[in-house]
Amino acid sequence: MRIVVKIGTSTLTYENGRLNLKRIEGYARVLSDLINSGNEIALVTSGAIYVGAGKLKLGEKTNSTREKQALAAIGQCELMSIYDRFFCGYSHIVSQILLTKDVFGDEKRRANAGNTFEKLFEFGAIPIVNENDTVSVEEIEFGDNDTLSAMVAELIGAELLIILSDIDGLFDRDPNRFPDAGLIRRVETITDEIKATVGGVTSKRGTGGMLTKVTAAQIANGAGCDVIIANGSRPEILYDIFDGNYVGTLFSKNNGNFC
């Protein structure tokens, strides 16, 4: 299978902004194993700004666009250094792809990006994708990597998009307000009612909440890609997904089913 795995900031870091090395190493191991079994995987990673702030030990949340851009530059280096070290330990080569929204709107640039992904898969390299926050003001203020992951899935013709965060999946009501909220295992059609229900459900860290994930699922479903939203605190959850176990919420594409 060709798969996109998106890992959110809250999954990659501790609350102080430092990288959760044990968890990242676990993802490098599991993803390497899944690639060894014949899958092609692109990893969409968040966290550059947050990691940059943690590395500089900035205690308060940053609001200045200028500061966020600088922190992204620092944090992205840290992220790629760690990914390279861990994946190298499992005999895999990583590559960095930084994208902005306008790439997807320009036919030539979109084609070039798609060709790059294809050649990287041919080389056996793992594309590690993030927003180019250092140069993209709009993406820093309004963007989210949930949407980016869906657009990457569409671009490369992925069969499955897995979005991992500190959110277990789609609930029938806000689990932050209602302890008895029930997890919805499968969604066949994303309705306006669903979007309205999840509008206030957010993750602990990062820019995306449940609404951005549901919107990303709608984009990917429209491109013929199944989507699973699940809690990424345990890297082995990827094995559960590939074994056909129901974890998180499956958003089924229009023309078929993953499970």
Protein backbone atom coordinates (compact mmCIF):
# COMPACT_ATOMS: atom_id res chain seq x y z
CA MET A 1 0.00 0.00 0.00
CA ARG A 2 0.95 3.64 -0.40
CA ILE A 3 0.22 5.41 2.87
CA VAL A 4 0.52 8.86 4.40
CA VAL A 5 1.06 8.97 8.17
CA LYS A 6 0.59 12.33 9.85
CA ILE A 7 1.95 12.76 13.38
CA GLY A 8 0.87 15.81 15.36
CA THR A 9 2.83 18.07 17.66
CA SER A 10 1.22 16.67 20.81
CA THR A 11 2.36 13.18 19.82
CA LEU A 12 5.96 14.18 19.09
CA THR A 13 6.68 16.41 22.08
CA TYR A 14 6.39 16.76 25.80
CA GLU A 15 4.47 19.73 27.22
CA ASN A 16 7.74 21.65 27.67
CA GLY A 17 8.32 21.57 23.91
CA ARG A 18 11.14 19.03 24.01
CA LEU A 19 10.97 16.05 21.68
CA ASN A 20 9.62 12.77 23.02
CA LEU A 21 12.59 10.72 21.81
CA LYS A 22 11.27 7.38 23.01
CA ARG A 23 8.05 7.82 21.04
CA ILE A 24 9.81 9.08 17.91
CA GLU A 25 12.20 6.14 18.03
CA GLY A 26 9.20 3.86 18.32
CA TYR A 27 7.65 5.38 15.22
CA ALA A 28 10.92 5.05 13.31
CA ARG A 29 11.01 1.36 14.21
CA VAL A 30 7.37 0.61 13.36
CA LEU A 31 7.35 2.64 10.14
CA SER A 32 10.62 1.01 9.05
CA ASP A 33 9.10 -2.40 9.66
CA LEU A 34 5.98 -1.52 7.65
CA ILE A 35 8.16 -0.27 4.80
CA ASN A 36 10.24 -3.45 4.97
CA SER A 37 7.03 -5.43 4.42
CA GLY A 38 6.48 -3.67 1.09
CA ASN A 39 4.54 -0.50 1.88
CA GLU A 40 5.43 2.99 0.62
CA ILE A 41 5.03 5.55 3.37
CA ALA A 42 5.23 9.35 3.42
CA LEU A 43 5.45 10.90 6.87
CA VAL A 44 3.86 14.31 7.51
CA THR A 45 5.29 15.78 10.68
CA SER A 46 4.24 18.73 12.78
CA GLY A 47 6.05 20.44 15.62
CA ALA A 48 8.79 22.64 14.15
CA ILE A 49 7.67 25.87 15.84
CA TYR A 50 6.91 24.14 19.13
CA VAL A 51 10.24 22.31 19.15
CA GLY A 52 12.10 25.50 18.29
CA ALA A 53 10.47 27.28 21.23
CA GLY A 54 11.34 24.36 23.51
CA LYS A 55 14.96 24.32 22.40
CA LEU A 56 15.29 28.04 23.19
CA LYS A 57 13.43 27.49 26.47
CA LEU A 58 10.79 30.09 25.69
CA GLY A 59 8.17 29.71 28.37
CA GLU A 60 5.32 31.75 26.88
CA LYS A 61 3.33 31.02 23.76
CA THR A 62 4.67 32.98 20.81
CA ASN A 63 2.37 35.21 18.79
CA SER A 64 4.70 37.19 16.50
CA THR A 65 4.80 35.86 12.94
CA ARG A 66 8.43 36.85 12.72
CA GLU A 67 9.25 34.88 15.84
CA LYS A 68 7.29 31.84 14.68
CA GLN A 69 9.17 31.81 11.38
CA ALA A 70 12.51 31.89 13.18
CA LEU A 71 11.43 29.17 15.61
CA ALA A 72 10.28 27.00 12.70
CA ALA A 73 13.74 27.26 11.16
CA ILE A 74 15.37 26.14 14.41
CA GLY A 75 12.84 23.42 15.18
CA GLN A 76 12.85 21.93 11.69
CA CYS A 77 16.60 21.28 11.93
CA GLU A 78 16.08 19.51 15.23
CA LEU A 79 13.23 17.39 13.88
CA MET A 80 15.08 16.24 10.77
CA SER A 81 18.26 15.50 12.72
CA ILE A 82 16.35 13.20 15.06
CA TYR A 83 14.40 11.50 12.27
CA ASP A 84 17.58 10.92 10.30
CA ARG A 85 19.34 9.40 13.29
CA PHE A 86 16.53 7.04 14.23
CA PHE A 87 15.58 5.90 10.73
CA CYS A 88 19.24 5.40 9.86
CA GLY A 89 19.40 2.98 12.77
CA TYR A 90 16.87 0.84 10.90
CA SER A 91 18.72 1.18 7.56
CA HIS A 92 16.36 3.70 6.01
CA ILE A 93 17.14 6.98 4.27
CA VAL A 94 14.98 10.03 4.99
CA SER A 95 14.31 13.08 2.82
CA GLN A 96 12.87 16.46 3.65
CA ILE A 97 10.03 18.06 1.67
CA LEU A 98 8.78 21.50 2.76
CA LEU A 99 5.59 22.58 1.02
CA THR A 100 3.38 25.65 0.82
CA LYS A 101 -0.25 25.76 -0.23
CA ASP A 102 0.48 27.49 -3.54
CA VAL A 103 2.39 24.41 -4.75
CA PHE A 104 -0.90 22.53 -5.00
CA GLY A 105 -2.59 25.34 -6.93
CA ASP A 106 0.01 25.61 -9.68
CA GLU A 107 -0.11 22.80 -12.25
CA LYS A 108 3.61 22.79 -13.01
CA ARG A 109 4.77 23.03 -9.40
CA ARG A 110 2.27 20.37 -8.36
CA ALA A 111 3.57 18.03 -11.07
CA ASN A 112 7.16 18.67 -9.99
CA ALA A 113 6.29 17.89 -6.37
CA GLY A 114 4.52 14.69 -7.41
CA ASN A 115 7.51 13.62 -9.50
CA THR A 116 9.81 14.21 -6.54
CA PHE A 117 7.72 11.93 -4.34
CA GLU A 118 7.72 9.23 -7.03
CA LYS A 119 11.49 9.35 -7.41
CA LEU A 120 12.00 9.23 -3.65
CA PHE A 121 9.81 6.12 -3.41
CA GLU A 122 11.81 4.66 -6.28
CA PHE A 123 15.01 5.35 -4.34
CA GLY A 124 13.52 3.73 -1.26
CA ALA A 125 13.77 7.00 0.68
CA ILE A 126 11.14 8.12 3.19
CA PRO A 127 9.63 11.53 2.35
CA ILE A 128 9.24 13.56 5.55
CA VAL A 129 6.90 16.45 4.87
CA ASN A 130 6.14 19.65 6.74
CA GLU A 131 4.71 23.06 5.95
CA ASN A 132 7.36 25.59 4.96
CA ASP A 133 6.49 27.77 7.94
CA THR A 134 9.65 29.86 7.66
CA VAL A 135 8.47 31.54 4.44
CA SER A 136 4.71 31.06 4.51
CA VAL A 137 2.97 33.65 6.67
CA GLU A 138 -0.53 32.45 5.83
CA GLU A 139 0.24 28.84 6.74
CA ILE A 140 1.65 29.80 10.11
CA GLU A 141 -1.44 31.75 11.07
CA PHE A 142 -4.17 29.63 9.50
CA GLY A 143 -2.67 26.42 8.18
CA ASP A 144 -2.62 22.99 9.72
CA ASN A 145 -0.82 19.79 8.85
CA ASP A 146 -4.05 17.79 8.85
CA THR A 147 -5.04 19.54 5.64
CA LEU A 148 -1.49 19.24 4.32
CA SER A 149 -1.51 15.49 4.91
CA ALA A 150 -4.76 15.11 2.97
CA MET A 151 -3.38 17.13 0.07
CA VAL A 152 -0.22 15.03 0.05
CA ALA A 153 -2.33 11.86 0.08
CA GLU A 154 -4.24 13.16 -2.94
CA LEU A 155 -1.04 14.22 -4.70
CA ILE A 156 0.70 10.85 -4.43
CA GLY A 157 -2.41 8.69 -4.88
CA ALA A 158 -2.28 7.20 -1.37
CA GLU A 159 -4.72 4.45 -0.45
CA LEU A 160 -4.74 5.30 3.24
CA LEU A 161 -4.15 8.39 5.38
CA ILE A 162 -3.53 7.87 9.09
CA ILE A 163 -3.81 10.99 11.27
CA LEU A 164 -2.31 10.55 14.73
CA SER A 165 -2.70 13.01 17.59
CA ASP A 166 -3.79 13.07 21.25
CA ILE A 167 -7.39 12.67 20.04
CA ASP A 168 -8.76 9.10 20.06
CA GLY A 169 -11.05 9.67 17.08
CA LEU A 170 -14.48 11.11 16.36
CA PHE A 171 -16.90 11.11 19.30
CA ASP A 172 -20.66 11.54 19.28
CA ARG A 173 -20.14 14.64 21.43
CA ASP A 174 -17.26 16.61 22.91
CA PRO A 175 -15.31 14.22 25.21
CA ASN A 176 -13.69 17.20 26.94
CA ARG A 177 -17.13 18.21 28.23
CA PHE A 178 -18.97 14.89 28.40
CA PRO A 179 -17.08 11.98 30.04
CA ASP A 180 -19.63 9.48 28.69
CA ALA A 181 -19.10 10.52 25.07
CA GLY A 182 -18.92 7.52 22.74
CA LEU A 183 -16.26 6.89 20.10
CA ILE A 184 -17.64 6.52 16.58
CA ARG A 185 -15.79 3.68 14.87
CA ARG A 186 -16.82 4.30 11.28
CA VAL A 187 -18.10 7.23 9.20
CA GLU A 188 -19.48 6.67 5.72
CA THR A 189 -20.48 10.27 4.96
CA ILE A 190 -19.11 13.48 6.47
CA THR A 191 -22.05 15.80 7.02
CA ASP A 192 -22.36 19.44 8.07
CA GLU A 193 -23.87 18.17 11.31
CA ILE A 194 -20.70 16.21 12.10
CA LYS A 195 -18.56 19.27 11.39
CA ALA A 196 -20.74 21.42 13.64
CA THR A 197 -20.47 18.86 16.46
CA VAL A 198 -16.67 18.72 16.44
CA GLY A 199 -16.03 22.42 15.93
CA GLY A 200 -14.92 23.03 19.51
CA VAL A 201 -12.90 19.83 20.07
CA THR A 202 -9.20 20.67 20.14
CA SER A 203 -5.93 18.89 20.78
CA LYS A 204 -3.72 19.86 23.73
CA ARG A 205 -0.86 21.19 21.63
CA GLY A 206 -0.51 22.17 17.99
CA THR A 207 -2.76 24.12 15.64
CA GLY A 208 -5.28 21.48 14.62
CA GLY A 209 -8.40 20.21 16.36
CA MET A 210 -10.98 17.62 15.39
CA LEU A 211 -12.60 19.90 12.82
CA THR A 212 -9.38 20.18 10.79
CA LYS A 213 -9.02 16.39 10.91
CA VAL A 214 -12.56 15.77 9.74
CA THR A 215 -12.10 18.32 6.96
CA ALA A 216 -8.85 16.56 5.97
CA ALA A 217 -10.71 13.25 5.93
CA GLN A 218 -13.30 14.76 3.59
CA ILE A 219 -10.56 15.93 1.19
CA ALA A 220 -8.82 12.56 1.21
CA ASN A 221 -12.07 10.59 0.86
CA GLY A 222 -12.93 12.65 -2.19
CA ALA A 223 -9.61 11.56 -3.72
CA GLY A 224 -10.40 7.88 -3.10
CA CYS A 225 -8.34 7.53 0.07
CA ASP A 226 -9.50 5.96 3.34
CA VAL A 227 -8.69 7.92 6.50
CA ILE A 228 -8.15 6.75 10.08
CA ILE A 229 -7.95 9.22 12.96
CA ALA A 230 -6.45 7.67 16.08
CA ASN A 231 -4.47 8.36 19.24
CA GLY A 232 -0.74 8.33 18.49
CA SER A 233 0.58 7.88 22.02
CA ARG A 234 1.50 4.26 21.19
CA PRO A 235 3.47 3.75 17.93
CA GLU A 236 2.36 0.11 17.80
CA ILE A 237 -1.14 1.34 17.00
CA LEU A 238 0.02 1.27 13.38
CA TYR A 239 0.35 -2.52 13.65
CA ASP A 240 -3.21 -2.68 14.98
CA ILE A 241 -4.43 -0.71 11.97
CA PHE A 242 -2.61 -2.92 9.47
CA ASP A 243 -3.86 -6.05 11.24
CA GLY A 244 -7.41 -4.87 10.55
CA ASN A 245 -8.29 -4.06 14.16
CA TYR A 246 -10.73 -1.23 14.70
CA VAL A 247 -8.88 1.61 16.40
CA GLY A 248 -9.85 5.24 16.25
CA THR A 249 -12.35 6.27 13.59
CA LEU A 250 -12.35 5.06 9.99
CA PHE A 251 -13.63 7.52 7.40
CA SER A 252 -14.45 5.30 4.45
CA LYS A 253 -13.80 6.54 0.93
CA ASN A 254 -16.67 6.69 -1.54
CA ASN A 255 -15.71 3.71 -3.67
CA GLY A 256 -14.60 1.08 -1.21
CA ASN A 257 -13.44 0.14 2.27
CA PHE A 258 -10.02 -0.19 3.86
CA CYS A 259 -11.14 -2.78 6.39
